[in-house]
Amino acid sequence: MRTDGVPVTPRMIQVMALEMAIDAGIDERAFTASWSWFQGFKKRFKFTLRARTRIGQDSQRDGEETLATFAARVAQVVRDNNIDVVYNADQTGVNYEYLPTKTLNAK
């Protein structure tokens, strides 16, 4: 999931661990995927919680492809309509969905 750009939260790891325990036939009372279990999991596999450094979920390659497509489309519109001047309208309002502020990373 992380390589696909999806933020991985501690709760997601705990839920996955609980599902794996159930699939393995471990009694629900014997394994609870507690916070202390998660801390040990992080230490054992050398993971750390880090703040995300990018806003979007797309990969770098996706962004470059989108940029190239957009630039080609703008150039085509400029040619087709004999446009002489193009104005920059940055800082337009954009709505973002709520995303976790931290994700699990390898150290």
PDB file of N, CA and C in Angstrom:
ATOM      1  N   MET A   1       0.821  -1.188   0.000  1.00  0.00           N
ATOM      2  CA  MET A   1       0.000   0.000   0.000  1.00  0.00           C
ATOM      3  C   MET A   1       0.863   1.249   0.000  1.00  0.00           C
ATOM      4  N   ARG A   2       1.880   1.263   0.818  1.00  0.00           N
ATOM      5  CA  ARG A   2       2.720   2.454   0.942  1.00  0.00           C
ATOM      6  C   ARG A   2       3.373   2.800  -0.388  1.00  0.00           C
ATOM      7  N   THR A   3       3.818   1.778  -1.149  1.00  0.00           N
ATOM      8  CA  THR A   3       4.460   2.050  -2.433  1.00  0.00           C
ATOM      9  C   THR A   3       3.480   2.609  -3.445  1.00  0.00           C
ATOM     10  N   ASP A   4       2.188   2.401  -3.220  1.00  0.00           N
ATOM     11  CA  ASP A   4       1.164   2.957  -4.103  1.00  0.00           C
ATOM     12  C   ASP A   4       0.775   4.365  -3.696  1.00  0.00           C
ATOM     13  N   GLY A   5       1.433   4.925  -2.687  1.00  0.00           N
ATOM     14  CA  GLY A   5       1.131   6.283  -2.258  1.00  0.00           C
ATOM     15  C   GLY A   5       0.018   6.387  -1.238  1.00  0.00           C
ATOM     16  N   VAL A   6      -0.412   5.272  -0.711  1.00  0.00           N
ATOM     17  CA  VAL A   6      -1.489   5.273   0.278  1.00  0.00           C
ATOM     18  C   VAL A   6      -0.883   5.433   1.671  1.00  0.00           C
ATOM     19  N   PRO A   7      -1.313   6.439   2.435  1.00  0.00           N
ATOM     20  CA  PRO A   7      -0.798   6.576   3.799  1.00  0.00           C
ATOM     21  C   PRO A   7      -1.193   5.368   4.644  1.00  0.00           C
ATOM     22  N   VAL A   8      -0.258   4.842   5.407  1.00  0.00           N
ATOM     23  CA  VAL A   8      -0.514   3.696   6.274  1.00  0.00           C
ATOM     24  C   VAL A   8      -0.483   4.186   7.717  1.00  0.00           C
ATOM     25  N   THR A   9      -1.592   4.019   8.410  1.00  0.00           N
ATOM     26  CA  THR A   9      -1.709   4.499   9.782  1.00  0.00           C
ATOM     27  C   THR A   9      -1.511   3.353  10.771  1.00  0.00           C
ATOM     28  N   PRO A  10      -1.206   3.685  12.025  1.00  0.00           N
ATOM     29  CA  PRO A  10      -1.089   2.631  13.040  1.00  0.00           C
ATOM     30  C   PRO A  10      -2.359   1.792  13.144  1.00  0.00           C
ATOM     31  N   ARG A  11      -3.504   2.425  13.085  1.00  0.00           N
ATOM     32  CA  ARG A  11      -4.768   1.685  13.193  1.00  0.00           C
ATOM     33  C   ARG A  11      -4.924   0.693  12.043  1.00  0.00           C
ATOM     34  N   MET A  12      -4.501   1.072  10.844  1.00  0.00           N
ATOM     35  CA  MET A  12      -4.582   0.156   9.706  1.00  0.00           C
ATOM     36  C   MET A  12      -3.725  -1.084   9.956  1.00  0.00           C
ATOM     37  N   ILE A  13      -2.525  -0.889  10.511  1.00  0.00           N
ATOM     38  CA  ILE A  13      -1.641  -2.018  10.825  1.00  0.00           C
ATOM     39  C   ILE A  13      -2.285  -2.914  11.878  1.00  0.00           C
ATOM     40  N   GLN A  14      -2.884  -2.302  12.902  1.00  0.00           N
ATOM     41  CA  GLN A  14      -3.527  -3.080  13.960  1.00  0.00           C
ATOM     42  C   GLN A  14      -4.692  -3.898  13.402  1.00  0.00           C
ATOM     43  N   VAL A  15      -5.507  -3.307  12.547  1.00  0.00           N
ATOM     44  CA  VAL A  15      -6.645  -4.029  11.963  1.00  0.00           C
ATOM     45  C   VAL A  15      -6.152  -5.187  11.100  1.00  0.00           C
ATOM     46  N   MET A  16      -5.117  -4.942  10.296  1.00  0.00           N
ATOM     47  CA  MET A  16      -4.566  -6.020   9.464  1.00  0.00           C
ATOM     48  C   MET A  16      -4.008  -7.152  10.322  1.00  0.00           C
ATOM     49  N   ALA A  17      -3.346  -6.795  11.423  1.00  0.00           N
ATOM     50  CA  ALA A  17      -2.793  -7.815  12.323  1.00  0.00           C
ATOM     51  C   ALA A  17      -3.909  -8.641  12.953  1.00  0.00           C
ATOM     52  N   LEU A  18      -4.988  -7.981  13.361  1.00  0.00           N
ATOM     53  CA  LEU A  18      -6.128  -8.704  13.937  1.00  0.00           C
ATOM     54  C   LEU A  18      -6.749  -9.649  12.913  1.00  0.00           C
ATOM     55  N   GLU A  19      -6.887  -9.191  11.671  1.00  0.00           N
ATOM     56  CA  GLU A  19      -7.441 -10.047  10.616  1.00  0.00           C
ATOM     57  C   GLU A  19      -6.545 -11.257  10.367  1.00  0.00           C
ATOM     58  N   MET A  20      -5.230 -11.036  10.363  1.00  0.00           N
ATOM     59  CA  MET A  20      -4.306 -12.152  10.155  1.00  0.00           C
ATOM     60  C   MET A  20      -4.367 -13.140  11.316  1.00  0.00           C
ATOM     61  N   ALA A  21      -4.522 -12.625  12.541  1.00  0.00           N
ATOM     62  CA  ALA A  21      -4.623 -13.501  13.712  1.00  0.00           C
ATOM     63  C   ALA A  21      -5.879 -14.362  13.623  1.00  0.00           C
ATOM     64  N   ILE A  22      -6.987 -13.762  13.203  1.00  0.00           N
ATOM     65  CA  ILE A  22      -8.238 -14.520  13.056  1.00  0.00           C
ATOM     66  C   ILE A  22      -8.065 -15.590  11.987  1.00  0.00           C
ATOM     67  N   ASP A  23      -7.444 -15.212  10.845  1.00  0.00           N
ATOM     68  CA  ASP A  23      -7.211 -16.178   9.768  1.00  0.00           C
ATOM     69  C   ASP A  23      -6.309 -17.325  10.218  1.00  0.00           C
ATOM     70  N   ALA A  24      -5.386 -17.028  11.138  1.00  0.00           N
ATOM     71  CA  ALA A  24      -4.465 -18.054  11.639  1.00  0.00           C
ATOM     72  C   ALA A  24      -5.082 -18.889  12.758  1.00  0.00           C
ATOM     73  N   GLY A  25      -6.313 -18.544  13.168  1.00  0.00           N
ATOM     74  CA  GLY A  25      -6.992 -19.310  14.203  1.00  0.00           C
ATOM     75  C   GLY A  25      -6.599 -18.930  15.615  1.00  0.00           C
ATOM     76  N   ILE A  26      -5.988 -17.767  15.799  1.00  0.00           N
ATOM     77  CA  ILE A  26      -5.596 -17.307  17.136  1.00  0.00           C
ATOM     78  C   ILE A  26      -6.821 -16.725  17.830  1.00  0.00           C
ATOM     79  N   ASP A  27      -7.019 -17.101  19.077  1.00  0.00           N
ATOM     80  CA  ASP A  27      -8.165 -16.633  19.855  1.00  0.00           C
ATOM     81  C   ASP A  27      -8.136 -15.109  19.986  1.00  0.00           C
ATOM     82  N   GLU A  28      -9.300 -14.477  19.834  1.00  0.00           N
ATOM     83  CA  GLU A  28      -9.409 -13.014  19.903  1.00  0.00           C
ATOM     84  C   GLU A  28      -8.946 -12.463  21.244  1.00  0.00           C
ATOM     85  N   ARG A  29      -9.098 -13.249  22.300  1.00  0.00           N
ATOM     86  CA  ARG A  29      -8.672 -12.789  23.630  1.00  0.00           C
ATOM     87  C   ARG A  29      -7.167 -12.921  23.822  1.00  0.00           C
ATOM     88  N   ALA A  30      -6.528 -13.774  23.023  1.00  0.00           N
ATOM     89  CA  ALA A  30      -5.086 -13.998  23.168  1.00  0.00           C
ATOM     90  C   ALA A  30      -4.258 -12.920  22.458  1.00  0.00           C
ATOM     91  N   PHE A  31      -4.823 -12.314  21.424  1.00  0.00           N
ATOM     92  CA  PHE A  31      -4.088 -11.293  20.670  1.00  0.00           C
ATOM     93  C   PHE A  31      -5.019 -10.130  20.379  1.00  0.00           C
ATOM     94  N   THR A  32      -4.639  -8.946  20.849  1.00  0.00           N
ATOM     95  CA  THR A  32      -5.512  -7.779  20.687  1.00  0.00           C
ATOM     96  C   THR A  32      -4.904  -6.680  19.829  1.00  0.00           C
ATOM     97  N   ALA A  33      -3.676  -6.845  19.357  1.00  0.00           N
ATOM     98  CA  ALA A  33      -2.985  -5.817  18.563  1.00  0.00           C
ATOM     99  C   ALA A  33      -3.030  -4.478  19.285  1.00  0.00           C
ATOM    100  N   SER A  34      -2.629  -4.489  20.539  1.00  0.00           N
ATOM    101  CA  SER A  34      -2.663  -3.284  21.378  1.00  0.00           C
ATOM    102  C   SER A  34      -1.625  -2.262  20.910  1.00  0.00           C
ATOM    103  N   TRP A  35      -1.683  -1.087  21.537  1.00  0.00           N
ATOM    104  CA  TRP A  35      -0.722  -0.040  21.201  1.00  0.00           C
ATOM    105  C   TRP A  35       0.704  -0.491  21.530  1.00  0.00           C
ATOM    106  N   SER A  36       0.878  -1.193  22.649  1.00  0.00           N
ATOM    107  CA  SER A  36       2.221  -1.671  22.997  1.00  0.00           C
ATOM    108  C   SER A  36       2.691  -2.729  21.994  1.00  0.00           C
ATOM    109  N   TRP A  37       1.772  -3.563  21.485  1.00  0.00           N
ATOM    110  CA  TRP A  37       2.137  -4.514  20.428  1.00  0.00           C
ATOM    111  C   TRP A  37       2.617  -3.749  19.198  1.00  0.00           C
ATOM    112  N   PHE A  38       1.900  -2.686  18.850  1.00  0.00           N
ATOM    113  CA  PHE A  38       2.275  -1.888  17.682  1.00  0.00           C
ATOM    114  C   PHE A  38       3.659  -1.257  17.862  1.00  0.00           C
ATOM    115  N   GLN A  39       3.951  -0.773  19.073  1.00  0.00           N
ATOM    116  CA  GLN A  39       5.267  -0.186  19.337  1.00  0.00           C
ATOM    117  C   GLN A  39       6.367  -1.237  19.135  1.00  0.00           C
ATOM    118  N   GLY A  40       6.125  -2.453  19.612  1.00  0.00           N
ATOM    119  CA  GLY A  40       7.084  -3.537  19.402  1.00  0.00           C
ATOM    120  C   GLY A  40       7.221  -3.901  17.930  1.00  0.00           C
ATOM    121  N   PHE A  41       6.103  -3.900  17.211  1.00  0.00           N
ATOM    122  CA  PHE A  41       6.097  -4.176  15.775  1.00  0.00           C
ATOM    123  C   PHE A  41       6.976  -3.162  15.042  1.00  0.00           C
ATOM    124  N   LYS A  42       6.789  -1.874  15.378  1.00  0.00           N
ATOM    125  CA  LYS A  42       7.595  -0.819  14.750  1.00  0.00           C
ATOM    126  C   LYS A  42       9.080  -1.025  15.029  1.00  0.00           C
ATOM    127  N   LYS A  43       9.405  -1.320  16.278  1.00  0.00           N
ATOM    128  CA  LYS A  43      10.808  -1.496  16.668  1.00  0.00           C
ATOM    129  C   LYS A  43      11.415  -2.724  15.994  1.00  0.00           C
ATOM    130  N   ARG A  44      10.670  -3.831  15.984  1.00  0.00           N
ATOM    131  CA  ARG A  44      11.159  -5.088  15.422  1.00  0.00           C
ATOM    132  C   ARG A  44      11.445  -4.962  13.919  1.00  0.00           C
ATOM    133  N   PHE A  45      10.574  -4.259  13.186  1.00  0.00           N
ATOM    134  CA  PHE A  45      10.733  -4.152  11.735  1.00  0.00           C
ATOM    135  C   PHE A  45      11.318  -2.816  11.285  1.00  0.00           C
ATOM    136  N   LYS A  46      11.804  -2.009  12.266  1.00  0.00           N
ATOM    137  CA  LYS A  46      12.467  -0.731  11.993  1.00  0.00           C
ATOM    138  C   LYS A  46      11.578   0.214  11.186  1.00  0.00           C
ATOM    139  N   PHE A  47      10.356   0.401  11.671  1.00  0.00           N
ATOM    140  CA  PHE A  47       9.432   1.371  11.087  1.00  0.00           C
ATOM    141  C   PHE A  47       9.367   2.594  11.978  1.00  0.00           C
ATOM    142  N   THR A  48       8.946   3.689  11.412  1.00  0.00           N
ATOM    143  CA  THR A  48       8.756   4.912  12.176  1.00  0.00           C
ATOM    144  C   THR A  48       7.541   5.653  11.634  1.00  0.00           C
ATOM    145  N   LEU A  49       6.911   6.463  12.481  1.00  0.00           N
ATOM    146  CA  LEU A  49       5.810   7.306  12.027  1.00  0.00           C
ATOM    147  C   LEU A  49       6.391   8.632  11.577  1.00  0.00           C
ATOM    148  N   ARG A  50       6.031   9.043  10.397  1.00  0.00           N
ATOM    149  CA  ARG A  50       6.538  10.306   9.861  1.00  0.00           C
ATOM    150  C   ARG A  50       5.389  11.126   9.305  1.00  0.00           C
ATOM    151  N   ALA A  51       5.578  12.431   9.353  1.00  0.00           N
ATOM    152  CA  ALA A  51       4.602  13.323   8.729  1.00  0.00           C
ATOM    153  C   ALA A  51       4.771  13.233   7.218  1.00  0.00           C
ATOM    154  N   ARG A  52       3.656  13.250   6.524  1.00  0.00           N
ATOM    155  CA  ARG A  52       3.717  13.230   5.065  1.00  0.00           C
ATOM    156  C   ARG A  52       4.362  14.517   4.570  1.00  0.00           C
ATOM    157  N   THR A  53       5.110  14.419   3.506  1.00  0.00           N
ATOM    158  CA  THR A  53       5.788  15.595   2.979  1.00  0.00           C
ATOM    159  C   THR A  53       5.168  16.088   1.683  1.00  0.00           C
ATOM    160  N   ARG A  54       4.170  15.387   1.171  1.00  0.00           N
ATOM    161  CA  ARG A  54       3.482  15.823  -0.041  1.00  0.00           C
ATOM    162  C   ARG A  54       1.993  15.878   0.250  1.00  0.00           C
ATOM    163  N   ILE A  55       1.305  16.729  -0.466  1.00  0.00           N
ATOM    164  CA  ILE A  55      -0.138  16.841  -0.291  1.00  0.00           C
ATOM    165  C   ILE A  55      -0.855  15.730  -1.041  1.00  0.00           C
ATOM    166  N   GLY A  56      -0.511  15.525  -2.296  1.00  0.00           N
ATOM    167  CA  GLY A  56      -1.234  14.583  -3.144  1.00  0.00           C
ATOM    168  C   GLY A  56      -0.877  13.140  -2.888  1.00  0.00           C
ATOM    169  N   GLN A  57      -1.665  12.258  -3.453  1.00  0.00           N
ATOM    170  CA  GLN A  57      -1.427  10.834  -3.313  1.00  0.00           C
ATOM    171  C   GLN A  57      -0.815  10.234  -4.570  1.00  0.00           C
ATOM    172  N   ASP A  58      -0.727  11.018  -5.649  1.00  0.00           N
ATOM    173  CA  ASP A  58      -0.154  10.507  -6.882  1.00  0.00           C
ATOM    174  C   ASP A  58       1.354  10.369  -6.752  1.00  0.00           C
ATOM    175  N   SER A  59       1.914   9.471  -7.541  1.00  0.00           N
ATOM    176  CA  SER A  59       3.361   9.298  -7.546  1.00  0.00           C
ATOM    177  C   SER A  59       4.007  10.405  -8.376  1.00  0.00           C
ATOM    178  N   GLN A  60       5.317  10.514  -8.281  1.00  0.00           N
ATOM    179  CA  GLN A  60       6.057  11.512  -9.061  1.00  0.00           C
ATOM    180  C   GLN A  60       5.820  11.291 -10.550  1.00  0.00           C
ATOM    181  N   ARG A  61       5.837  10.047 -10.984  1.00  0.00           N
ATOM    182  CA  ARG A  61       5.636   9.722 -12.394  1.00  0.00           C
ATOM    183  C   ARG A  61       4.246  10.153 -12.859  1.00  0.00           C
ATOM    184  N   ASP A  62       3.218   9.912 -12.028  1.00  0.00           N
ATOM    185  CA  ASP A  62       1.863  10.333 -12.381  1.00  0.00           C
ATOM    186  C   ASP A  62       1.801  11.842 -12.569  1.00  0.00           C
ATOM    187  N   GLY A  63       2.467  12.577 -11.695  1.00  0.00           N
ATOM    188  CA  GLY A  63       2.479  14.031 -11.795  1.00  0.00           C
ATOM    189  C   GLY A  63       3.164  14.509 -13.061  1.00  0.00           C
ATOM    190  N   GLU A  64       4.266  13.875 -13.414  1.00  0.00           N
ATOM    191  CA  GLU A  64       4.989  14.259 -14.626  1.00  0.00           C
ATOM    192  C   GLU A  64       4.163  13.970 -15.872  1.00  0.00           C
ATOM    193  N   GLU A  65       3.467  12.834 -15.898  1.00  0.00           N
ATOM    194  CA  GLU A  65       2.612  12.495 -17.037  1.00  0.00           C
ATOM    195  C   GLU A  65       1.460  13.485 -17.161  1.00  0.00           C
ATOM    196  N   THR A  66       0.846  13.824 -16.040  1.00  0.00           N
ATOM    197  CA  THR A  66      -0.260  14.782 -16.043  1.00  0.00           C
ATOM    198  C   THR A  66       0.220  16.146 -16.514  1.00  0.00           C
ATOM    199  N   LEU A  67       1.386  16.565 -16.053  1.00  0.00           N
ATOM    200  CA  LEU A  67       1.947  17.851 -16.460  1.00  0.00           C
ATOM    201  C   LEU A  67       2.210  17.881 -17.959  1.00  0.00           C
ATOM    202  N   ALA A  68       2.810  16.828 -18.498  1.00  0.00           N
ATOM    203  CA  ALA A  68       3.107  16.779 -19.932  1.00  0.00           C
ATOM    204  C   ALA A  68       1.824  16.813 -20.757  1.00  0.00           C
ATOM    205  N   THR A  69       0.810  16.066 -20.335  1.00  0.00           N
ATOM    206  CA  THR A  69      -0.472  16.050 -21.037  1.00  0.00           C
ATOM    207  C   THR A  69      -1.130  17.423 -20.995  1.00  0.00           C
ATOM    208  N   PHE A  70      -1.117  18.044 -19.824  1.00  0.00           N
ATOM    209  CA  PHE A  70      -1.720  19.363 -19.666  1.00  0.00           C
ATOM    210  C   PHE A  70      -0.996  20.402 -20.523  1.00  0.00           C
ATOM    211  N   ALA A  71       0.337  20.393 -20.494  1.00  0.00           N
ATOM    212  CA  ALA A  71       1.112  21.361 -21.275  1.00  0.00           C
ATOM    213  C   ALA A  71       0.846  21.202 -22.767  1.00  0.00           C
ATOM    214  N   ALA A  72       0.761  19.963 -23.245  1.00  0.00           N
ATOM    215  CA  ALA A  72       0.468  19.725 -24.660  1.00  0.00           C
ATOM    216  C   ALA A  72      -0.928  20.219 -25.019  1.00  0.00           C
ATOM    217  N   ARG A  73      -1.885  19.992 -24.130  1.00  0.00           N
ATOM    218  CA  ARG A  73      -3.267  20.434 -24.380  1.00  0.00           C
ATOM    219  C   ARG A  73      -3.356  21.957 -24.422  1.00  0.00           C
ATOM    220  N   VAL A  74      -2.691  22.641 -23.496  1.00  0.00           N
ATOM    221  CA  VAL A  74      -2.697  24.108 -23.486  1.00  0.00           C
ATOM    222  C   VAL A  74      -2.054  24.643 -24.764  1.00  0.00           C
ATOM    223  N   ALA A  75      -0.926  24.069 -25.165  1.00  0.00           N
ATOM    224  CA  ALA A  75      -0.258  24.509 -26.394  1.00  0.00           C
ATOM    225  C   ALA A  75      -1.164  24.325 -27.608  1.00  0.00           C
ATOM    226  N   GLN A  76      -1.910  23.226 -27.644  1.00  0.00           N
ATOM    227  CA  GLN A  76      -2.828  22.967 -28.758  1.00  0.00           C
ATOM    228  C   GLN A  76      -3.963  23.989 -28.786  1.00  0.00           C
ATOM    229  N   VAL A  77      -4.532  24.297 -27.634  1.00  0.00           N
ATOM    230  CA  VAL A  77      -5.614  25.285 -27.549  1.00  0.00           C
ATOM    231  C   VAL A  77      -5.104  26.661 -27.975  1.00  0.00           C
ATOM    232  N   VAL A  78      -3.897  27.014 -27.551  1.00  0.00           N
ATOM    233  CA  VAL A  78      -3.304  28.308 -27.935  1.00  0.00           C
ATOM    234  C   VAL A  78      -3.146  28.382 -29.452  1.00  0.00           C
ATOM    235  N   ARG A  79      -2.639  27.323 -30.068  1.00  0.00           N
ATOM    236  CA  ARG A  79      -2.471  27.304 -31.530  1.00  0.00           C
ATOM    237  C   ARG A  79      -3.812  27.350 -32.250  1.00  0.00           C
ATOM    238  N   ASP A  80      -4.757  26.506 -31.820  1.00  0.00           N
ATOM    239  CA  ASP A  80      -6.053  26.413 -32.504  1.00  0.00           C
ATOM    240  C   ASP A  80      -6.843  27.712 -32.454  1.00  0.00           C
ATOM    241  N   ASN A  81      -6.679  28.478 -31.386  1.00  0.00           N
ATOM    242  CA  ASN A  81      -7.477  29.690 -31.200  1.00  0.00           C
ATOM    243  C   ASN A  81      -6.681  30.976 -31.412  1.00  0.00           C
ATOM    244  N   ASN A  82      -5.467  30.871 -31.947  1.00  0.00           N
ATOM    245  CA  ASN A  82      -4.619  32.042 -32.210  1.00  0.00           C
ATOM    246  C   ASN A  82      -4.504  32.951 -30.992  1.00  0.00           C
ATOM    247  N   ILE A  83      -4.239  32.368 -29.843  1.00  0.00           N
ATOM    248  CA  ILE A  83      -4.133  33.132 -28.598  1.00  0.00           C
ATOM    249  C   ILE A  83      -2.732  33.730 -28.513  1.00  0.00           C
ATOM    250  N   ASP A  84      -2.669  35.038 -28.213  1.00  0.00           N
ATOM    251  CA  ASP A  84      -1.389  35.739 -28.127  1.00  0.00           C
ATOM    252  C   ASP A  84      -0.871  35.839 -26.696  1.00  0.00           C
ATOM    253  N   VAL A  85      -1.777  35.943 -25.721  1.00  0.00           N
ATOM    254  CA  VAL A  85      -1.379  36.159 -24.333  1.00  0.00           C
ATOM    255  C   VAL A  85      -2.058  35.109 -23.452  1.00  0.00           C
ATOM    256  N   VAL A  86      -1.278  34.486 -22.574  1.00  0.00           N
ATOM    257  CA  VAL A  86      -1.816  33.525 -21.612  1.00  0.00           C
ATOM    258  C   VAL A  86      -1.482  34.043 -20.218  1.00  0.00           C
ATOM    259  N   TYR A  87      -2.495  34.186 -19.378  1.00  0.00           N
ATOM    260  CA  TYR A  87      -2.293  34.684 -18.018  1.00  0.00           C
ATOM    261  C   TYR A  87      -2.174  33.526 -17.039  1.00  0.00           C
ATOM    262  N   ASN A  88      -1.413  33.732 -15.984  1.00  0.00           N
ATOM    263  CA  ASN A  88      -1.235  32.739 -14.931  1.00  0.00           C
ATOM    264  C   ASN A  88      -2.266  32.997 -13.839  1.00  0.00           C
ATOM    265  N   ALA A  89      -2.990  31.978 -13.443  1.00  0.00           N
ATOM    266  CA  ALA A  89      -3.992  32.107 -12.373  1.00  0.00           C
ATOM    267  C   ALA A  89      -3.694  31.064 -11.301  1.00  0.00           C
ATOM    268  N   ASP A  90      -2.563  31.228 -10.618  1.00  0.00           N
ATOM    269  CA  ASP A  90      -2.210  30.256  -9.585  1.00  0.00           C
ATOM    270  C   ASP A  90      -2.966  30.536  -8.296  1.00  0.00           C
ATOM    271  N   GLN A  91      -2.798  29.676  -7.344  1.00  0.00           N
ATOM    272  CA  GLN A  91      -3.444  29.760  -6.036  1.00  0.00           C
ATOM    273  C   GLN A  91      -4.968  29.727  -6.129  1.00  0.00           C
ATOM    274  N   THR A  92      -5.471  28.965  -7.082  1.00  0.00           N
ATOM    275  CA  THR A  92      -6.917  28.794  -7.170  1.00  0.00           C
ATOM    276  C   THR A  92      -7.379  27.896  -6.033  1.00  0.00           C
ATOM    277  N   GLY A  93      -8.613  28.071  -5.614  1.00  0.00           N
ATOM    278  CA  GLY A  93      -9.147  27.273  -4.516  1.00  0.00           C
ATOM    279  C   GLY A  93      -9.329  25.824  -4.918  1.00  0.00           C
ATOM    280  N   VAL A  94      -8.850  24.938  -4.078  1.00  0.00           N
ATOM    281  CA  VAL A  94      -8.985  23.507  -4.322  1.00  0.00           C
ATOM    282  C   VAL A  94      -9.450  22.858  -3.031  1.00  0.00           C
ATOM    283  N   ASN A  95     -10.396  21.953  -3.127  1.00  0.00           N
ATOM    284  CA  ASN A  95     -10.872  21.218  -1.953  1.00  0.00           C
ATOM    285  C   ASN A  95     -10.130  19.893  -1.868  1.00  0.00           C
ATOM    286  N   TYR A  96      -9.629  19.587  -0.679  1.00  0.00           N
ATOM    287  CA  TYR A  96      -8.933  18.326  -0.441  1.00  0.00           C
ATOM    288  C   TYR A  96      -9.760  17.471   0.501  1.00  0.00           C
ATOM    289  N   GLU A  97      -9.719  16.167   0.282  1.00  0.00           N
ATOM    290  CA  GLU A  97     -10.346  15.262   1.228  1.00  0.00           C
ATOM    291  C   GLU A  97      -9.432  15.134   2.442  1.00  0.00           C
ATOM    292  N   TYR A  98      -9.987  14.714   3.573  1.00  0.00           N
ATOM    293  CA  TYR A  98      -9.176  14.540   4.780  1.00  0.00           C
ATOM    294  C   TYR A  98      -8.246  13.350   4.595  1.00  0.00           C
ATOM    295  N   LEU A  99      -6.985  13.558   4.829  1.00  0.00           N
ATOM    296  CA  LEU A  99      -5.998  12.491   4.756  1.00  0.00           C
ATOM    297  C   LEU A  99      -5.205  12.474   6.058  1.00  0.00           C
ATOM    298  N   PRO A 100      -4.732  11.314   6.497  1.00  0.00           N
ATOM    299  CA  PRO A 100      -3.944  11.259   7.729  1.00  0.00           C
ATOM    300  C   PRO A 100      -2.701  12.139   7.617  1.00  0.00           C
ATOM    301  N   THR A 101      -2.292  12.723   8.731  1.00  0.00           N
ATOM    302  CA  THR A 101      -1.113  13.585   8.715  1.00  0.00           C
ATOM    303  C   THR A 101       0.170  12.792   8.867  1.00  0.00           C
ATOM    304  N   LYS A 102       0.088  11.563   9.371  1.00  0.00           N
ATOM    305  CA  LYS A 102       1.286  10.737   9.546  1.00  0.00           C
ATOM    306  C   LYS A 102       1.079   9.394   8.874  1.00  0.00           C
ATOM    307  N   THR A 103       2.186   8.782   8.484  1.00  0.00           N
ATOM    308  CA  THR A 103       2.142   7.474   7.857  1.00  0.00           C
ATOM    309  C   THR A 103       3.320   6.646   8.361  1.00  0.00           C
ATOM    310  N   LEU A 104       3.263   5.348   8.168  1.00  0.00           N
ATOM    311  CA  LEU A 104       4.300   4.434   8.637  1.00  0.00           C
ATOM    312  C   LEU A 104       5.350   4.273   7.548  1.00  0.00           C
ATOM    313  N   ASN A 105       6.615   4.514   7.878  1.00  0.00           N
ATOM    314  CA  ASN A 105       7.726   4.409   6.931  1.00  0.00           C
ATOM    315  C   ASN A 105       8.806   3.506   7.489  1.00  0.00           C
ATOM    316  N   ALA A 106       9.589   2.923   6.589  1.00  0.00           N
ATOM    317  CA  ALA A 106      10.784   2.194   7.016  1.00  0.00           C
ATOM    318  C   ALA A 106      11.831   3.207   7.438  1.00  0.00           C
ATOM    319  N   LYS A 107      12.601   2.891   8.477  1.00  0.00           N
ATOM    320  CA  LYS A 107      13.644   3.822   8.953  1.00  0.00           C
ATOM    321  C   LYS A 107      14.772   3.900   7.961  1.00  0.00           C
TER     322      LYS A 107
END
